[in-house]
PDB file of N, CA and C in Angstrom:
ATOM      1  N   UNK A   1      27.012 -57.868 -48.559  1.00  0.00           N
ATOM      2  CA  UNK A   1      26.601 -56.485 -48.423  1.00  0.00           C
ATOM      3  C   UNK A   1      26.909 -55.674 -49.666  1.00  0.00           C
ATOM      4  N   UNK A   2      27.833 -56.146 -50.478  1.00  0.00           N
ATOM      5  CA  UNK A   2      28.202 -55.403 -51.660  1.00  0.00           C
ATOM      6  C   UNK A   2      29.299 -54.383 -51.415  1.00  0.00           C
ATOM      7  N   UNK A   3      29.707 -54.190 -50.166  1.00  0.00           N
ATOM      8  CA  UNK A   3      30.797 -53.262 -49.870  1.00  0.00           C
ATOM      9  C   UNK A   3      32.123 -53.987 -50.060  1.00  0.00           C
ATOM     10  N   UNK A   4      33.049 -53.334 -50.717  1.00  0.00           N
ATOM     11  CA  UNK A   4      34.358 -53.937 -50.943  1.00  0.00           C
ATOM     12  C   UNK A   4      35.421 -53.163 -50.186  1.00  0.00           C
ATOM     13  N   UNK A   5      36.547 -53.839 -49.928  1.00  0.00           N
ATOM     14  CA  UNK A   5      37.686 -53.153 -49.311  1.00  0.00           C
ATOM     15  C   UNK A   5      38.255 -52.178 -50.337  1.00  0.00           C
ATOM     16  N   UNK A   6      38.666 -51.009 -49.874  1.00  0.00           N
ATOM     17  CA  UNK A   6      39.304 -50.037 -50.756  1.00  0.00           C
ATOM     18  C   UNK A   6      40.368 -49.322 -49.947  1.00  0.00           C
ATOM     19  N   UNK A   7      41.605 -49.732 -50.141  1.00  0.00           N
ATOM     20  CA  UNK A   7      42.710 -49.107 -49.414  1.00  0.00           C
ATOM     21  C   UNK A   7      43.618 -48.326 -50.355  1.00  0.00           C
ATOM     22  N   UNK A   8      43.146 -48.104 -51.567  1.00  0.00           N
ATOM     23  CA  UNK A   8      43.944 -47.352 -52.532  1.00  0.00           C
ATOM     24  C   UNK A   8      43.632 -45.869 -52.397  1.00  0.00           C
ATOM     25  N   UNK A   9      44.647 -45.041 -52.668  1.00  0.00           N
ATOM     26  CA  UNK A   9      44.484 -43.596 -52.588  1.00  0.00           C
ATOM     27  C   UNK A   9      43.270 -43.171 -53.392  1.00  0.00           C
ATOM     28  N   UNK A  10      42.467 -42.286 -52.900  1.00  0.00           N
ATOM     29  CA  UNK A  10      42.681 -41.435 -51.727  1.00  0.00           C
ATOM     30  C   UNK A  10      42.040 -41.971 -50.448  1.00  0.00           C
ATOM     31  N   UNK A  11      41.843 -43.289 -50.332  1.00  0.00           N
ATOM     32  CA  UNK A  11      41.152 -43.828 -49.159  1.00  0.00           C
ATOM     33  C   UNK A  11      42.086 -44.627 -48.264  1.00  0.00           C
ATOM     34  N   UNK A  12      41.800 -44.597 -46.951  1.00  0.00           N
ATOM     35  CA  UNK A  12      42.637 -45.294 -45.971  1.00  0.00           C
ATOM     36  C   UNK A  12      42.194 -46.729 -45.731  1.00  0.00           C
ATOM     37  N   UNK A  13      40.974 -47.067 -46.118  1.00  0.00           N
ATOM     38  CA  UNK A  13      40.422 -48.386 -45.825  1.00  0.00           C
ATOM     39  C   UNK A  13      39.495 -48.376 -44.626  1.00  0.00           C
ATOM     40  N   UNK A  14      39.510 -47.282 -43.854  1.00  0.00           N
ATOM     41  CA  UNK A  14      38.655 -47.180 -42.672  1.00  0.00           C
ATOM     42  C   UNK A  14      37.309 -46.561 -43.038  1.00  0.00           C
ATOM     43  N   UNK A  15      36.300 -46.886 -42.230  1.00  0.00           N
ATOM     44  CA  UNK A  15      34.971 -46.282 -42.345  1.00  0.00           C
ATOM     45  C   UNK A  15      34.760 -45.388 -41.141  1.00  0.00           C
ATOM     46  N   UNK A  16      34.275 -44.171 -41.357  1.00  0.00           N
ATOM     47  CA  UNK A  16      34.049 -43.240 -40.253  1.00  0.00           C
ATOM     48  C   UNK A  16      32.646 -42.652 -40.343  1.00  0.00           C
ATOM     49  N   UNK A  17      32.146 -42.264 -39.186  1.00  0.00           N
ATOM     50  CA  UNK A  17      30.921 -41.466 -39.129  1.00  0.00           C
ATOM     51  C   UNK A  17      31.399 -40.084 -38.708  1.00  0.00           C
ATOM     52  N   UNK A  18      31.387 -39.129 -39.624  1.00  0.00           N
ATOM     53  CA  UNK A  18      31.900 -37.799 -39.292  1.00  0.00           C
ATOM     54  C   UNK A  18      31.237 -37.221 -38.047  1.00  0.00           C
ATOM     55  N   UNK A  19      32.001 -36.466 -37.290  1.00  0.00           N
ATOM     56  CA  UNK A  19      31.544 -35.858 -36.045  1.00  0.00           C
ATOM     57  C   UNK A  19      30.387 -34.918 -36.326  1.00  0.00           C
ATOM     58  N   UNK A  20      29.289 -35.166 -35.660  1.00  0.00           N
ATOM     59  CA  UNK A  20      28.107 -34.306 -35.778  1.00  0.00           C
ATOM     60  C   UNK A  20      27.809 -33.740 -34.402  1.00  0.00           C
ATOM     61  N   UNK A  21      28.335 -32.556 -34.117  1.00  0.00           N
ATOM     62  CA  UNK A  21      28.141 -31.953 -32.800  1.00  0.00           C
ATOM     63  C   UNK A  21      29.132 -32.516 -31.800  1.00  0.00           C
ATOM     64  N   UNK A  22      28.627 -32.978 -30.658  1.00  0.00           N
ATOM     65  CA  UNK A  22      29.511 -33.458 -29.602  1.00  0.00           C
ATOM     66  C   UNK A  22      29.727 -34.966 -29.652  1.00  0.00           C
ATOM     67  N   UNK A  23      29.111 -35.638 -30.622  1.00  0.00           N
ATOM     68  CA  UNK A  23      29.276 -37.077 -30.748  1.00  0.00           C
ATOM     69  C   UNK A  23      30.677 -37.392 -31.258  1.00  0.00           C
ATOM     70  N   UNK A  24      31.390 -38.312 -30.629  1.00  0.00           N
ATOM     71  CA  UNK A  24      32.726 -38.652 -31.116  1.00  0.00           C
ATOM     72  C   UNK A  24      32.651 -39.355 -32.468  1.00  0.00           C
ATOM     73  N   UNK A  25      33.730 -39.267 -33.218  1.00  0.00           N
ATOM     74  CA  UNK A  25      33.807 -39.942 -34.502  1.00  0.00           C
ATOM     75  C   UNK A  25      33.830 -41.448 -34.253  1.00  0.00           C
ATOM     76  N   UNK A  26      33.005 -42.174 -34.984  1.00  0.00           N
ATOM     77  CA  UNK A  26      32.965 -43.627 -34.879  1.00  0.00           C
ATOM     78  C   UNK A  26      33.765 -44.183 -36.045  1.00  0.00           C
ATOM     79  N   UNK A  27      34.674 -45.112 -35.751  1.00  0.00           N
ATOM     80  CA  UNK A  27      35.575 -45.625 -36.765  1.00  0.00           C
ATOM     81  C   UNK A  27      35.563 -47.144 -36.804  1.00  0.00           C
ATOM     82  N   UNK A  28      35.570 -47.685 -37.996  1.00  0.00           N
ATOM     83  CA  UNK A  28      35.767 -49.117 -38.230  1.00  0.00           C
ATOM     84  C   UNK A  28      37.023 -49.241 -39.083  1.00  0.00           C
ATOM     85  N   UNK A  29      37.947 -50.118 -38.707  1.00  0.00           N
ATOM     86  CA  UNK A  29      39.245 -50.214 -39.368  1.00  0.00           C
ATOM     87  C   UNK A  29      39.168 -50.764 -40.788  1.00  0.00           C
ATOM     88  N   UNK A  30      38.198 -51.629 -41.049  1.00  0.00           N
ATOM     89  CA  UNK A  30      38.084 -52.251 -42.365  1.00  0.00           C
ATOM     90  C   UNK A  30      36.612 -52.386 -42.749  1.00  0.00           C
ATOM     91  N   UNK A  31      36.377 -52.670 -44.013  1.00  0.00           N
ATOM     92  CA  UNK A  31      35.010 -52.925 -44.463  1.00  0.00           C
ATOM     93  C   UNK A  31      34.458 -54.161 -43.776  1.00  0.00           C
ATOM     94  N   UNK A  32      35.297 -55.196 -43.618  1.00  0.00           N
ATOM     95  CA  UNK A  32      34.851 -56.425 -42.953  1.00  0.00           C
ATOM     96  C   UNK A  32      34.420 -56.138 -41.521  1.00  0.00           C
ATOM     97  N   UNK A  33      35.207 -55.347 -40.800  1.00  0.00           N
ATOM     98  CA  UNK A  33      34.849 -55.000 -39.420  1.00  0.00           C
ATOM     99  C   UNK A  33      33.532 -54.223 -39.392  1.00  0.00           C
ATOM    100  N   UNK A  34      33.380 -53.299 -40.317  1.00  0.00           N
ATOM    101  CA  UNK A  34      32.156 -52.497 -40.388  1.00  0.00           C
ATOM    102  C   UNK A  34      30.937 -53.391 -40.631  1.00  0.00           C
ATOM    103  N   UNK A  35      31.015 -54.248 -41.635  1.00  0.00           N
ATOM    104  CA  UNK A  35      29.852 -55.062 -41.974  1.00  0.00           C
ATOM    105  C   UNK A  35      29.562 -56.125 -40.923  1.00  0.00           C
ATOM    106  N   UNK A  36      30.580 -56.604 -40.219  1.00  0.00           N
ATOM    107  CA  UNK A  36      30.376 -57.638 -39.205  1.00  0.00           C
ATOM    108  C   UNK A  36      29.941 -57.071 -37.864  1.00  0.00           C
ATOM    109  N   UNK A  37      30.375 -55.856 -37.535  1.00  0.00           N
ATOM    110  CA  UNK A  37      30.155 -55.335 -36.189  1.00  0.00           C
ATOM    111  C   UNK A  37      29.134 -54.215 -36.074  1.00  0.00           C
ATOM    112  N   UNK A  38      28.718 -53.624 -37.185  1.00  0.00           N
ATOM    113  CA  UNK A  38      27.728 -52.548 -37.090  1.00  0.00           C
ATOM    114  C   UNK A  38      26.408 -53.138 -36.613  1.00  0.00           C
ATOM    115  N   UNK A  39      25.883 -52.593 -35.510  1.00  0.00           N
ATOM    116  CA  UNK A  39      24.663 -53.152 -34.918  1.00  0.00           C
ATOM    117  C   UNK A  39      23.471 -52.197 -34.956  1.00  0.00           C
ATOM    118  N   UNK A  40      23.638 -51.045 -35.584  1.00  0.00           N
ATOM    119  CA  UNK A  40      22.532 -50.105 -35.700  1.00  0.00           C
ATOM    120  C   UNK A  40      22.358 -49.182 -34.509  1.00  0.00           C
ATOM    121  N   UNK A  41      23.173 -49.349 -33.466  1.00  0.00           N
ATOM    122  CA  UNK A  41      23.014 -48.522 -32.267  1.00  0.00           C
ATOM    123  C   UNK A  41      23.524 -47.095 -32.463  1.00  0.00           C
ATOM    124  N   UNK A  42      24.327 -46.864 -33.493  1.00  0.00           N
ATOM    125  CA  UNK A  42      24.838 -45.524 -33.811  1.00  0.00           C
ATOM    126  C   UNK A  42      24.468 -45.203 -35.261  1.00  0.00           C
ATOM    127  N   UNK A  43      23.188 -44.896 -35.516  1.00  0.00           N
ATOM    128  CA  UNK A  43      22.766 -44.643 -36.892  1.00  0.00           C
ATOM    129  C   UNK A  43      23.375 -43.365 -37.447  1.00  0.00           C
ATOM    130  N   UNK A  44      23.431 -43.284 -38.737  1.00  0.00           N
ATOM    131  CA  UNK A  44      23.960 -42.100 -39.391  1.00  0.00           C
ATOM    132  C   UNK A  44      24.609 -42.487 -40.698  1.00  0.00           C
ATOM    133  N   UNK A  45      25.325 -41.555 -41.266  1.00  0.00           N
ATOM    134  CA  UNK A  45      26.008 -41.787 -42.524  1.00  0.00           C
ATOM    135  C   UNK A  45      27.462 -42.114 -42.250  1.00  0.00           C
ATOM    136  N   UNK A  46      27.899 -43.231 -42.747  1.00  0.00           N
ATOM    137  CA  UNK A  46      29.301 -43.634 -42.634  1.00  0.00           C
ATOM    138  C   UNK A  46      29.937 -43.494 -44.005  1.00  0.00           C
ATOM    139  N   UNK A  47      31.167 -42.989 -44.037  1.00  0.00           N
ATOM    140  CA  UNK A  47      31.872 -42.776 -45.298  1.00  0.00           C
ATOM    141  C   UNK A  47      33.271 -43.359 -45.198  1.00  0.00           C
ATOM    142  N   UNK A  48      33.842 -43.643 -46.347  1.00  0.00           N
ATOM    143  CA  UNK A  48      35.235 -44.097 -46.362  1.00  0.00           C
ATOM    144  C   UNK A  48      36.129 -42.920 -45.988  1.00  0.00           C
ATOM    145  N   UNK A  49      37.084 -43.171 -45.120  1.00  0.00           N
ATOM    146  CA  UNK A  49      38.007 -42.115 -44.701  1.00  0.00           C
ATOM    147  C   UNK A  49      38.985 -41.818 -45.833  1.00  0.00           C
ATOM    148  N   UNK A  50      39.138 -40.548 -46.135  1.00  0.00           N
ATOM    149  CA  UNK A  50      40.106 -40.147 -47.151  1.00  0.00           C
ATOM    150  C   UNK A  50      41.427 -39.811 -46.484  1.00  0.00           C
ATOM    151  N   UNK A  51      42.518 -40.207 -47.137  1.00  0.00           N
ATOM    152  CA  UNK A  51      43.838 -39.852 -46.630  1.00  0.00           C
ATOM    153  C   UNK A  51      44.108 -38.401 -46.966  1.00  0.00           C
ATOM    154  N   UNK A  52      45.011 -37.830 -46.246  1.00  0.00           N
ATOM    155  CA  UNK A  52      45.301 -36.409 -46.463  1.00  0.00           C
ATOM    156  C   UNK A  52      46.483 -36.218 -47.363  1.00  0.00           C
TER     157      UNK A  52
END
């Protein structure tokens, strides 16, 4: 897929789909989980989660 793991600051390593309205935030713990488990049923923009 070309996506790599990135757990270095300012990123947590997780992928999230930011909350758009009443839809809950969708989270994948790792890039591997995201690329292996994303099935297209929740389309949208997913971004790397930034640490605070």
